[in-house]
Amino acid sequence: MRKKINSIFVALVFAALTAFLAAGSAEAFCVYNKTDITFHVAQTRGGAFKKNIPPGGKECCDWQTKDCNPEGKRDSIVRFYVGSEPGYLLGWIIVCNDFPIKAEGWLTIEGKDDNYKCEAHSTP
């Protein structure tokens, strides 16, 4: 019985350690679309990040990747254009242009009914 309890304990510790290491290695900036339409998001300087993000969706890119963060530093500034996707029925909407966030941070696009804004976030 004691051997079985020890085996379960070891398995739980291993699972917890694996989850901790996986969370620690997920180093990415993310863009979250918390709106009612799809937005086109593209880096405006140096990076190659270009995505169409649907309502409620998110896209991320590892800040350690030169395609996403040419300077390669955690606190480097990466900049974004956020606008309606091409062909949007109600006209072209530009929410923000050359909008800065830290490479280890995230950007949220928020709002509804053609009243949208960009918000920058980062870990303390």
Protein backbone atom coordinates (compact mmCIF):
# COMPACT_ATOMS: atom_id res chain seq x y z
CA MET A 1 0.00 0.00 0.00
CA ARG A 2 2.79 2.43 0.94
CA LYS A 3 4.57 1.70 -2.36
CA LYS A 4 1.38 2.57 -4.28
CA ILE A 5 1.02 5.89 -2.40
CA ASN A 6 4.67 6.74 -3.12
CA SER A 7 4.15 5.97 -6.82
CA ILE A 8 1.09 8.22 -6.97
CA PHE A 9 2.99 11.00 -5.17
CA VAL A 10 5.91 10.75 -7.61
CA ALA A 11 3.50 10.84 -10.56
CA LEU A 12 1.78 13.96 -9.19
CA VAL A 13 5.08 15.73 -8.56
CA PHE A 14 6.25 14.85 -12.08
CA ALA A 15 2.98 16.14 -13.61
CA ALA A 16 3.20 19.39 -11.61
CA LEU A 17 6.84 19.91 -12.59
CA THR A 18 6.06 19.29 -16.25
CA ALA A 19 3.20 21.82 -16.17
CA PHE A 20 5.43 24.38 -14.43
CA LEU A 21 8.23 24.01 -16.97
CA ALA A 22 5.82 24.17 -19.90
CA ALA A 23 4.26 27.38 -18.56
CA GLY A 24 7.67 28.92 -18.01
CA SER A 25 8.79 28.23 -21.56
CA ALA A 26 5.71 29.77 -23.20
CA GLU A 27 7.38 33.12 -23.87
CA ALA A 28 5.20 34.91 -26.38
CA PHE A 29 3.48 38.16 -27.10
CA CYS A 30 -0.18 37.68 -27.91
CA VAL A 31 -2.91 39.74 -29.52
CA TYR A 32 -6.45 39.16 -28.22
CA ASN A 33 -9.51 40.27 -30.18
CA LYS A 34 -12.24 41.06 -27.65
CA THR A 35 -14.53 42.71 -30.22
CA ASP A 36 -17.41 41.86 -32.52
CA ILE A 37 -15.50 41.83 -35.86
CA THR A 38 -12.36 40.29 -37.36
CA PHE A 39 -9.28 42.52 -37.26
CA HIS A 40 -6.10 42.45 -39.31
CA VAL A 41 -3.01 42.83 -37.10
CA ALA A 42 0.48 43.39 -38.48
CA GLN A 43 3.79 44.45 -36.99
CA THR A 44 4.76 47.87 -38.28
CA ARG A 45 8.52 47.70 -37.65
CA GLY A 46 10.92 44.83 -38.17
CA GLY A 47 8.62 41.92 -37.39
CA ALA A 48 6.77 39.61 -39.73
CA PHE A 49 3.67 39.01 -37.56
CA LYS A 50 0.54 39.38 -39.76
CA LYS A 51 -2.74 37.77 -38.78
CA ASN A 52 -6.48 38.11 -39.22
CA ILE A 53 -7.96 37.51 -35.77
CA PRO A 54 -11.67 36.71 -35.48
CA PRO A 55 -13.88 37.92 -32.60
CA GLY A 56 -12.85 36.16 -29.38
CA GLY A 57 -9.67 34.88 -31.03
CA LYS A 58 -5.99 35.28 -30.24
CA GLU A 59 -2.67 34.88 -32.03
CA CYS A 60 0.75 34.68 -30.41
CA CYS A 61 4.38 34.75 -31.47
CA ASP A 62 7.46 33.77 -29.46
CA TRP A 63 9.29 36.98 -28.51
CA GLN A 64 12.59 35.09 -28.82
CA THR A 65 11.98 34.58 -32.55
CA LYS A 66 13.72 37.15 -34.76
CA ASP A 67 10.67 37.20 -37.08
CA CYS A 68 8.58 38.55 -34.19
CA ASN A 69 11.16 40.48 -32.20
CA PRO A 70 14.23 41.52 -34.20
CA GLU A 71 16.03 42.87 -31.10
CA GLY A 72 15.51 39.56 -29.29
CA LYS A 73 15.11 41.10 -25.82
CA ARG A 74 12.21 40.41 -23.49
CA ASP A 75 11.62 44.13 -22.91
CA SER A 76 12.08 45.16 -26.56
CA ILE A 77 9.26 47.26 -27.98
CA VAL A 78 7.26 45.72 -30.83
CA ARG A 79 4.70 47.81 -32.71
CA PHE A 80 1.43 46.96 -34.42
CA TYR A 81 -1.13 48.18 -36.90
CA VAL A 82 -4.68 47.06 -36.07
CA GLY A 83 -7.45 47.60 -38.61
CA SER A 84 -10.51 45.96 -40.06
CA GLU A 85 -9.73 43.12 -42.39
CA PRO A 86 -9.72 43.95 -46.10
CA GLY A 87 -13.24 43.93 -47.51
CA TYR A 88 -14.99 44.90 -44.27
CA LEU A 89 -18.56 45.81 -45.25
CA LEU A 90 -18.90 49.07 -43.32
CA GLY A 91 -15.68 50.68 -44.51
CA TRP A 92 -12.07 50.66 -43.41
CA ILE A 93 -11.52 50.94 -39.65
CA ILE A 94 -8.07 51.74 -38.27
CA VAL A 95 -7.98 51.14 -34.52
CA CYS A 96 -4.31 51.86 -33.89
CA ASN A 97 -1.16 52.31 -35.93
CA ASP A 98 2.42 51.82 -34.78
CA PHE A 99 1.01 50.82 -31.36
CA PRO A 100 3.81 49.77 -28.92
CA ILE A 101 3.89 46.85 -26.49
CA LYS A 102 6.73 45.01 -24.76
CA ALA A 103 7.82 41.85 -26.56
CA GLU A 104 6.86 39.75 -23.53
CA GLY A 105 3.49 41.51 -23.20
CA TRP A 106 0.13 41.36 -24.92
CA LEU A 107 -2.26 43.57 -26.82
CA THR A 108 -6.03 43.54 -26.51
CA ILE A 109 -8.39 44.99 -29.07
CA GLU A 110 -11.58 45.96 -27.26
CA GLY A 111 -14.94 47.53 -28.05
CA LYS A 112 -18.03 47.08 -30.20
CA ASP A 113 -20.23 48.87 -32.72
CA ASP A 114 -17.36 50.66 -34.51
CA ASN A 115 -15.95 52.01 -31.23
CA TYR A 116 -12.67 50.12 -30.77
CA LYS A 117 -9.38 50.70 -28.96
CA CYS A 118 -6.00 49.03 -28.41
CA GLU A 119 -4.68 48.34 -24.91
CA ALA A 120 -1.11 47.32 -24.05
CA HIS A 121 -0.38 44.93 -21.18
CA SER A 122 2.79 43.45 -19.71
CA THR A 123 3.89 41.41 -16.77
CA PRO A 124 5.09 43.44 -13.76
